[in-house]
Amino acid sequence: MQMYLNDSFKAFEFVLQGQLTGEHVKSLEQAWVTATSILNGKDLFIDLSSLTAADAEGIELLYRIVASGARLKAALPPQSEELLRSLGVPVAAPPRRSGRSWVLSLRRMLGSVA
């Protein structure tokens, strides 16, 4: 697994890629414990977009991190929809509005359609 850390003014983010298993779980836990000491009110995010698998210890760690206030996120399309669903991360893109409904809404706003 590869782990990247993004630190900004308002947020701290872990970006996980690959498999969260074995020794990688311990590495993430150590990085998380260290990060919590410097957050100073920043939001904490865990980006799981490129996470392909996690063992039981990895999933348990993610649940503990979330229980402490972090938020899981994933860009679409994720590497493993099944894993994200098991963690409660939504994987479906929001429904797109059709062009026709947009045109009708515009017409209603302009008063051309009753």
C-alpha atoms as a PDB file:
ATOM      1  CA  MET A   1       0.000   0.000   0.000  1.00  0.00           C
ATOM      2  CA  GLN A   2       1.059   3.549  -0.659  1.00  0.00           C
ATOM      3  CA  MET A   3      -0.048   6.373   1.597  1.00  0.00           C
ATOM      4  CA  TYR A   4       0.091  10.057   0.781  1.00  0.00           C
ATOM      5  CA  LEU A   5      -0.533  12.868   3.233  1.00  0.00           C
ATOM      6  CA  ASN A   6      -2.055  16.178   2.192  1.00  0.00           C
ATOM      7  CA  ASP A   7      -1.982  18.967   4.760  1.00  0.00           C
ATOM      8  CA  SER A   8      -3.770  22.231   4.067  1.00  0.00           C
ATOM      9  CA  PHE A   9      -4.984  25.185   6.093  1.00  0.00           C
ATOM     10  CA  LYS A  10      -8.399  23.625   6.814  1.00  0.00           C
ATOM     11  CA  ALA A  11      -7.932  19.874   6.376  1.00  0.00           C
ATOM     12  CA  PHE A  12      -5.558  16.955   6.669  1.00  0.00           C
ATOM     13  CA  GLU A  13      -6.026  14.059   4.268  1.00  0.00           C
ATOM     14  CA  PHE A  14      -4.691  10.537   3.999  1.00  0.00           C
ATOM     15  CA  VAL A  15      -4.790   9.142   0.452  1.00  0.00           C
ATOM     16  CA  LEU A  16      -4.583   5.346   0.475  1.00  0.00           C
ATOM     17  CA  GLN A  17      -3.652   3.260  -2.572  1.00  0.00           C
ATOM     18  CA  GLY A  18      -3.482  -0.514  -2.813  1.00  0.00           C
ATOM     19  CA  GLN A  19      -4.205  -2.971  -0.027  1.00  0.00           C
ATOM     20  CA  LEU A  20      -4.649  -1.984   3.612  1.00  0.00           C
ATOM     21  CA  THR A  21      -3.355  -5.235   5.085  1.00  0.00           C
ATOM     22  CA  GLY A  22      -0.731  -6.532   7.506  1.00  0.00           C
ATOM     23  CA  GLU A  23       2.061  -4.087   8.310  1.00  0.00           C
ATOM     24  CA  HIS A  24       0.364  -1.360   6.269  1.00  0.00           C
ATOM     25  CA  VAL A  25      -2.377  -1.225   8.891  1.00  0.00           C
ATOM     26  CA  LYS A  26       0.222  -0.479  11.562  1.00  0.00           C
ATOM     27  CA  SER A  27       1.799   2.196   9.349  1.00  0.00           C
ATOM     28  CA  LEU A  28      -1.553   3.923   8.860  1.00  0.00           C
ATOM     29  CA  GLU A  29      -2.302   3.713  12.573  1.00  0.00           C
ATOM     30  CA  GLN A  30       1.038   5.295  13.465  1.00  0.00           C
ATOM     31  CA  ALA A  31       0.541   8.044  10.893  1.00  0.00           C
ATOM     32  CA  TRP A  32      -3.000   8.678  12.170  1.00  0.00           C
ATOM     33  CA  VAL A  33      -1.867   8.909  15.812  1.00  0.00           C
ATOM     34  CA  THR A  34       0.880  11.335  14.793  1.00  0.00           C
ATOM     35  CA  ALA A  35      -1.515  13.418  12.673  1.00  0.00           C
ATOM     36  CA  THR A  36      -4.031  13.757  15.507  1.00  0.00           C
ATOM     37  CA  SER A  37      -1.405  15.557  17.556  1.00  0.00           C
ATOM     38  CA  ILE A  38      -1.064  18.316  14.937  1.00  0.00           C
ATOM     39  CA  LEU A  39      -4.631  18.677  13.599  1.00  0.00           C
ATOM     40  CA  ASN A  40      -5.510  21.717  15.737  1.00  0.00           C
ATOM     41  CA  GLY A  41      -9.167  21.686  14.662  1.00  0.00           C
ATOM     42  CA  LYS A  42      -8.597  20.691  11.030  1.00  0.00           C
ATOM     43  CA  ASP A  43     -10.978  18.271   9.354  1.00  0.00           C
ATOM     44  CA  LEU A  44      -9.514  14.817   8.779  1.00  0.00           C
ATOM     45  CA  PHE A  45     -10.318  12.906   5.583  1.00  0.00           C
ATOM     46  CA  ILE A  46      -9.372   9.426   4.415  1.00  0.00           C
ATOM     47  CA  ASP A  47      -9.484   9.117   0.609  1.00  0.00           C
ATOM     48  CA  LEU A  48     -10.226   5.499  -0.294  1.00  0.00           C
ATOM     49  CA  SER A  49     -10.578   5.975  -4.059  1.00  0.00           C
ATOM     50  CA  SER A  50      -7.571   3.806  -4.863  1.00  0.00           C
ATOM     51  CA  LEU A  51      -7.866   1.327  -2.007  1.00  0.00           C
ATOM     52  CA  THR A  52      -8.340  -2.124  -3.539  1.00  0.00           C
ATOM     53  CA  ALA A  53      -8.658  -4.311  -0.415  1.00  0.00           C
ATOM     54  CA  ALA A  54      -8.465  -4.290   3.364  1.00  0.00           C
ATOM     55  CA  ASP A  55      -8.131  -7.099   5.877  1.00  0.00           C
ATOM     56  CA  ALA A  56     -10.145  -7.265   9.120  1.00  0.00           C
ATOM     57  CA  GLU A  57      -7.555  -5.202  11.025  1.00  0.00           C
ATOM     58  CA  GLY A  58      -7.542  -2.561   8.291  1.00  0.00           C
ATOM     59  CA  ILE A  59     -11.319  -2.249   8.319  1.00  0.00           C
ATOM     60  CA  GLU A  60     -11.358  -2.091  12.125  1.00  0.00           C
ATOM     61  CA  LEU A  61      -8.767   0.713  12.036  1.00  0.00           C
ATOM     62  CA  LEU A  62     -10.816   2.665   9.495  1.00  0.00           C
ATOM     63  CA  TYR A  63     -13.872   2.344  11.750  1.00  0.00           C
ATOM     64  CA  ARG A  64     -11.844   3.649  14.726  1.00  0.00           C
ATOM     65  CA  ILE A  65     -10.554   6.566  12.678  1.00  0.00           C
ATOM     66  CA  VAL A  66     -14.096   7.439  11.610  1.00  0.00           C
ATOM     67  CA  ALA A  67     -15.358   7.076  15.190  1.00  0.00           C
ATOM     68  CA  SER A  68     -12.787   9.707  16.181  1.00  0.00           C
ATOM     69  CA  GLY A  69     -14.321  12.194  13.746  1.00  0.00           C
ATOM     70  CA  ALA A  70     -12.603  11.563  10.414  1.00  0.00           C
ATOM     71  CA  ARG A  71     -14.600  11.286   7.211  1.00  0.00           C
ATOM     72  CA  LEU A  72     -14.140   8.718   4.476  1.00  0.00           C
ATOM     73  CA  LYS A  73     -14.335   9.851   0.866  1.00  0.00           C
ATOM     74  CA  ALA A  74     -13.815   8.402  -2.569  1.00  0.00           C
ATOM     75  CA  ALA A  75     -13.679   9.923  -6.012  1.00  0.00           C
ATOM     76  CA  LEU A  76     -15.609   8.122  -8.720  1.00  0.00           C
ATOM     77  CA  PRO A  77     -14.962   5.639 -10.110  1.00  0.00           C
ATOM     78  CA  PRO A  78     -13.314   3.949  -7.120  1.00  0.00           C
ATOM     79  CA  GLN A  79     -10.922   1.014  -7.424  1.00  0.00           C
ATOM     80  CA  SER A  80     -13.156  -1.245  -5.311  1.00  0.00           C
ATOM     81  CA  GLU A  81     -16.861  -0.417  -5.084  1.00  0.00           C
ATOM     82  CA  GLU A  82     -17.503  -3.511  -2.939  1.00  0.00           C
ATOM     83  CA  LEU A  83     -14.960  -2.438  -0.313  1.00  0.00           C
ATOM     84  CA  LEU A  84     -16.336   1.090  -0.183  1.00  0.00           C
ATOM     85  CA  ARG A  85     -19.899  -0.165   0.196  1.00  0.00           C
ATOM     86  CA  SER A  86     -18.807  -2.397   3.082  1.00  0.00           C
ATOM     87  CA  LEU A  87     -17.408   0.718   4.798  1.00  0.00           C
ATOM     88  CA  GLY A  88     -20.578   2.711   4.191  1.00  0.00           C
ATOM     89  CA  VAL A  89     -19.075   5.037   1.592  1.00  0.00           C
ATOM     90  CA  PRO A  90     -21.566   5.923  -1.167  1.00  0.00           C
ATOM     91  CA  VAL A  91     -20.270   4.873  -4.562  1.00  0.00           C
ATOM     92  CA  ALA A  92     -23.090   5.912  -6.873  1.00  0.00           C
ATOM     93  CA  ALA A  93     -22.782   9.234  -8.602  1.00  0.00           C
ATOM     94  CA  PRO A  94     -25.623  11.641  -7.894  1.00  0.00           C
ATOM     95  CA  PRO A  95     -28.340  11.433 -10.535  1.00  0.00           C
ATOM     96  CA  ARG A  96     -27.796  13.782 -13.430  1.00  0.00           C
ATOM     97  CA  ARG A  97     -30.564  16.090 -14.414  1.00  0.00           C
ATOM     98  CA  SER A  98     -31.555  15.777 -18.012  1.00  0.00           C
ATOM     99  CA  GLY A  99     -31.184  18.759 -20.289  1.00  0.00           C
ATOM    100  CA  ARG A 100     -34.933  18.750 -20.889  1.00  0.00           C
ATOM    101  CA  SER A 101     -35.809  19.246 -17.201  1.00  0.00           C
ATOM    102  CA  TRP A 102     -33.319  22.109 -17.065  1.00  0.00           C
ATOM    103  CA  VAL A 103     -34.967  23.738 -20.085  1.00  0.00           C
ATOM    104  CA  LEU A 104     -38.439  23.289 -18.562  1.00  0.00           C
ATOM    105  CA  SER A 105     -37.262  24.807 -15.277  1.00  0.00           C
ATOM    106  CA  LEU A 106     -35.824  27.764 -17.138  1.00  0.00           C
ATOM    107  CA  ARG A 107     -39.055  28.245 -19.104  1.00  0.00           C
ATOM    108  CA  ARG A 108     -41.076  28.124 -15.876  1.00  0.00           C
ATOM    109  CA  MET A 109     -38.821  30.719 -14.303  1.00  0.00           C
ATOM    110  CA  LEU A 110     -39.230  32.971 -17.329  1.00  0.00           C
ATOM    111  CA  GLY A 111     -43.006  32.433 -17.384  1.00  0.00           C
ATOM    112  CA  SER A 112     -43.206  30.791 -20.838  1.00  0.00           C
ATOM    113  CA  VAL A 113     -44.743  27.566 -19.555  1.00  0.00           C
ATOM    114  CA  ALA A 114     -47.668  27.593 -17.149  1.00  0.00           C
END
